[in-house]
Amino acid sequence: MEFNELYEMGLKFHGHRCPAMPMGLRAGLAAMKKLGVERAKDKELMVLSETGTGHAAGCFLDGIMAATGCTYGKSNIKKLYYNKMAFTLIDTKKGKAVRVSLKPDFFEKALNSPFVQKRKQGIPPQDIEPEIADPLIKNVLKIPEEKFLDIGDVFDFDIQKGRSVFSAKRCEKCGELTFVNKLRILEDGFQVCIPCSGYED
């Protein structure tokens, strides 16, 4: 896919215009270039995202997903909840990986931008004036990679490949179909889903 096509897709998927989503988009593309891989159609790639919740730039991860094709639906992305603007992209076929992060100076400056100041006031991102958001977005789209990204060396990664589960049974309490790897057997012998079991996992 061409960059403009990916960017437009990322905007529609993400839902609003902000600087962090295109940061993630470009970071994801940079990681793919470093590994010499194409966008994942299935599980050829995996992302270990160091982003979390409750911080100012979680939108970064939507850009990474748009670029790499790693999604929660395909189960080839995992959030580590470090609350860092960084991730590792893994080539699952070759067992190679690269870690990419935002340069601290760049990100500190971004957090002091007028856009983030508006967000601190509780203004939703979609309601921030274009004259504030657009120059920041344009800067992210044109700035050279080396000015805002730290791209590590490619390293070996031991990927543990699991098998997809295709068998499912009905929970003997609620009746909902549950994949068998998450059924739990109670003392009375009933096979039930996790919510009905009372277990957390």
Protein backbone atom coordinates (compact mmCIF):
# COMPACT_ATOMS: atom_id res chain seq x y z
CA MET A 1 0.00 0.00 0.00
CA GLU A 2 1.15 3.54 -0.75
CA PHE A 3 1.82 5.81 2.23
CA ASN A 4 -1.10 8.15 1.48
CA GLU A 5 -3.47 5.17 1.28
CA LEU A 6 -2.20 3.84 4.61
CA TYR A 7 -2.48 7.27 6.19
CA GLU A 8 -6.07 7.75 5.02
CA MET A 9 -6.96 4.25 6.22
CA GLY A 10 -5.31 5.00 9.56
CA LEU A 11 -7.32 8.23 9.92
CA LYS A 12 -10.61 6.47 9.26
CA PHE A 13 -9.75 3.63 11.61
CA HIS A 14 -8.49 5.95 14.34
CA GLY A 15 -11.40 8.37 14.17
CA HIS A 16 -9.73 11.77 14.63
CA ARG A 17 -6.78 13.83 13.43
CA CYS A 18 -3.87 14.03 15.87
CA PRO A 19 -0.06 13.91 15.73
CA ALA A 20 0.37 10.60 17.58
CA MET A 21 -1.37 8.30 15.09
CA PRO A 22 0.91 9.32 12.18
CA MET A 23 3.91 9.02 14.54
CA GLY A 24 2.94 5.40 15.05
CA LEU A 25 2.27 4.90 11.35
CA ARG A 26 5.72 6.13 10.39
CA ALA A 27 7.36 4.23 13.24
CA GLY A 28 5.67 1.01 12.12
CA LEU A 29 6.79 1.54 8.53
CA ALA A 30 10.34 2.27 9.69
CA ALA A 31 10.42 -0.98 11.66
CA MET A 32 9.14 -2.91 8.65
CA LYS A 33 11.78 -1.34 6.43
CA LYS A 34 14.52 -2.25 8.91
CA LEU A 35 13.35 -5.88 9.02
CA GLY A 36 12.75 -6.03 5.27
CA VAL A 37 9.15 -7.25 5.67
CA GLU A 38 5.76 -6.47 4.18
CA ARG A 39 2.51 -5.68 5.98
CA ALA A 40 1.09 -8.73 7.74
CA LYS A 41 -1.74 -10.55 6.01
CA ASP A 42 -1.99 -13.10 8.84
CA LYS A 43 0.57 -13.74 11.59
CA GLU A 44 3.79 -13.14 9.65
CA LEU A 45 4.54 -10.23 12.00
CA MET A 46 3.95 -9.59 15.68
CA VAL A 47 4.05 -6.36 17.71
CA LEU A 48 4.99 -6.07 21.36
CA SER A 49 3.75 -2.58 22.18
CA GLU A 50 5.10 -0.79 25.24
CA THR A 51 2.18 1.64 25.29
CA GLY A 52 -0.41 1.44 28.04
CA THR A 53 -3.50 3.25 29.24
CA GLY A 54 -4.13 6.66 30.74
CA HIS A 55 -1.28 8.47 28.99
CA ALA A 56 -1.38 11.26 26.46
CA ALA A 57 -0.40 9.46 23.27
CA GLY A 58 -2.04 6.04 23.11
CA CYS A 59 -3.08 6.96 19.56
CA PHE A 60 0.48 5.98 18.58
CA LEU A 61 -0.55 2.31 18.70
CA ASP A 62 -3.35 2.74 16.15
CA GLY A 63 -0.74 4.03 13.70
CA ILE A 64 1.47 1.00 14.37
CA MET A 65 -1.46 -1.33 13.71
CA ALA A 66 -2.37 0.48 10.49
CA ALA A 67 1.21 0.25 9.21
CA THR A 68 2.06 -3.32 10.20
CA GLY A 69 -1.26 -5.11 9.90
CA CYS A 70 -0.79 -6.47 13.42
CA THR A 71 -4.16 -6.45 15.16
CA TYR A 72 -5.90 -7.78 18.23
CA GLY A 73 -8.27 -9.75 16.01
CA LYS A 74 -5.35 -11.66 14.49
CA SER A 75 -3.79 -12.04 17.96
CA ASN A 76 -0.44 -10.79 16.69
CA ILE A 77 -0.18 -7.78 18.95
CA LYS A 78 0.40 -7.63 22.69
CA LYS A 79 0.37 -4.60 24.97
CA LEU A 80 3.03 -4.56 27.70
CA TYR A 81 1.60 -1.54 29.58
CA TYR A 82 4.99 0.11 30.19
CA ASN A 83 3.46 3.50 29.18
CA LYS A 84 6.37 4.11 26.81
CA MET A 85 6.26 5.26 23.22
CA ALA A 86 8.05 2.19 21.93
CA PHE A 87 7.42 -1.23 20.43
CA THR A 88 9.19 -4.29 19.07
CA LEU A 89 8.26 -5.64 15.66
CA ILE A 90 8.94 -9.34 15.16
CA ASP A 91 9.29 -11.28 11.91
CA THR A 92 7.76 -14.56 13.09
CA LYS A 93 8.99 -16.52 10.07
CA LYS A 94 12.68 -15.62 10.43
CA GLY A 95 12.78 -15.08 14.19
CA LYS A 96 14.13 -11.54 13.82
CA ALA A 97 13.00 -8.38 15.58
CA VAL A 98 13.67 -4.66 15.91
CA ARG A 99 12.73 -2.18 18.64
CA VAL A 100 11.65 1.34 17.72
CA SER A 101 10.97 4.23 20.11
CA LEU A 102 10.33 7.95 19.95
CA LYS A 103 13.36 10.09 20.70
CA PRO A 104 12.90 11.56 24.20
CA ASP A 105 13.64 15.14 23.11
CA PHE A 106 11.13 14.92 20.28
CA PHE A 107 8.44 13.43 22.48
CA GLU A 108 9.01 15.93 25.31
CA LYS A 109 8.54 18.73 22.79
CA ALA A 110 5.36 17.06 21.48
CA LEU A 111 3.96 16.86 25.01
CA ASN A 112 4.46 20.62 25.37
CA SER A 113 2.67 21.37 22.08
CA PRO A 114 -0.52 23.48 21.89
CA PHE A 115 -2.42 20.31 20.89
CA VAL A 116 -1.54 18.52 24.12
CA GLN A 117 -2.21 21.67 26.16
CA LYS A 118 -5.74 21.67 24.74
CA ARG A 119 -6.07 17.98 25.62
CA LYS A 120 -4.99 18.78 29.19
CA GLN A 121 -7.94 21.18 29.37
CA GLY A 122 -10.25 18.26 28.58
CA ILE A 123 -10.94 19.21 24.96
CA PRO A 124 -11.57 16.10 22.81
CA PRO A 125 -9.00 15.71 20.01
CA GLN A 126 -11.64 15.99 17.29
CA ASP A 127 -12.67 19.41 18.66
CA ILE A 128 -9.18 20.95 18.58
CA GLU A 129 -8.90 23.64 15.92
CA PRO A 130 -7.28 22.56 12.60
CA GLU A 131 -4.89 25.53 12.81
CA ILE A 132 -3.43 23.90 15.96
CA ALA A 133 -3.52 20.23 14.88
CA ASP A 134 -2.64 20.46 11.19
CA PRO A 135 0.86 22.03 11.45
CA LEU A 136 1.87 19.38 14.01
CA ILE A 137 0.54 16.57 11.82
CA LYS A 138 2.29 17.96 8.74
CA ASN A 139 5.55 18.10 10.69
CA VAL A 140 5.20 14.44 11.71
CA LEU A 141 4.51 13.45 8.10
CA LYS A 142 7.60 15.19 6.69
CA ILE A 143 10.25 15.05 9.44
CA PRO A 144 13.15 12.66 8.65
CA GLU A 145 13.00 9.39 10.59
CA GLU A 146 16.32 9.98 12.29
CA LYS A 147 14.99 13.23 13.80
CA PHE A 148 12.22 11.56 15.80
CA LEU A 149 12.81 7.80 15.92
CA ASP A 150 15.37 5.61 17.63
CA ILE A 151 15.55 2.48 15.48
CA GLY A 152 17.53 -0.33 17.06
CA ASP A 153 19.55 -3.07 15.43
CA VAL A 154 17.87 -6.23 14.20
CA PHE A 155 18.22 -9.03 16.74
CA ASP A 156 17.26 -12.68 17.08
CA PHE A 157 13.91 -13.36 18.71
CA ASP A 158 12.80 -16.79 19.87
CA ILE A 159 9.15 -16.85 18.86
CA GLN A 160 6.96 -19.47 20.51
CA LYS A 161 4.46 -20.50 17.87
CA GLY A 162 1.13 -21.75 19.14
CA ARG A 163 -1.60 -23.54 17.27
CA SER A 164 -4.94 -22.01 16.41
CA VAL A 165 -7.90 -23.57 18.21
CA PHE A 166 -10.86 -24.56 16.03
CA SER A 167 -12.85 -26.74 18.46
CA ALA A 168 -15.54 -25.24 20.65
CA LYS A 169 -18.18 -26.55 23.06
CA ARG A 170 -21.15 -24.98 24.77
CA CYS A 171 -20.63 -23.87 28.35
CA GLU A 172 -22.74 -26.18 30.49
CA LYS A 173 -23.97 -23.25 32.58
CA CYS A 174 -24.68 -20.31 30.23
CA GLY A 175 -24.83 -22.27 26.98
CA GLU A 176 -22.52 -19.93 25.05
CA LEU A 177 -20.06 -21.51 22.61
CA THR A 178 -16.53 -21.35 24.02
CA PHE A 179 -13.25 -22.44 22.45
CA VAL A 180 -12.08 -25.54 24.33
CA ASN A 181 -8.73 -24.09 25.44
CA LYS A 182 -10.62 -21.71 27.74
CA LEU A 183 -13.18 -24.15 29.18
CA ARG A 184 -12.72 -24.99 32.85
CA ILE A 185 -13.81 -28.24 34.51
CA LEU A 186 -15.55 -27.81 37.86
CA GLU A 187 -15.54 -30.28 40.73
CA ASP A 188 -18.92 -31.57 39.61
CA GLY A 189 -17.47 -32.34 36.17
CA PHE A 190 -19.26 -29.53 34.31
CA GLN A 191 -17.26 -27.84 31.55
CA VAL A 192 -17.86 -24.12 31.78
CA CYS A 193 -16.54 -20.83 30.41
CA ILE A 194 -14.28 -18.62 32.54
CA PRO A 195 -17.02 -16.20 33.70
CA CYS A 196 -19.20 -19.11 34.82
CA SER A 197 -16.28 -20.87 36.49
CA GLY A 198 -15.53 -18.11 38.95
CA TYR A 199 -11.86 -18.23 37.95
CA GLU A 200 -10.09 -15.13 36.66
CA ASP A 201 -8.24 -17.01 33.92
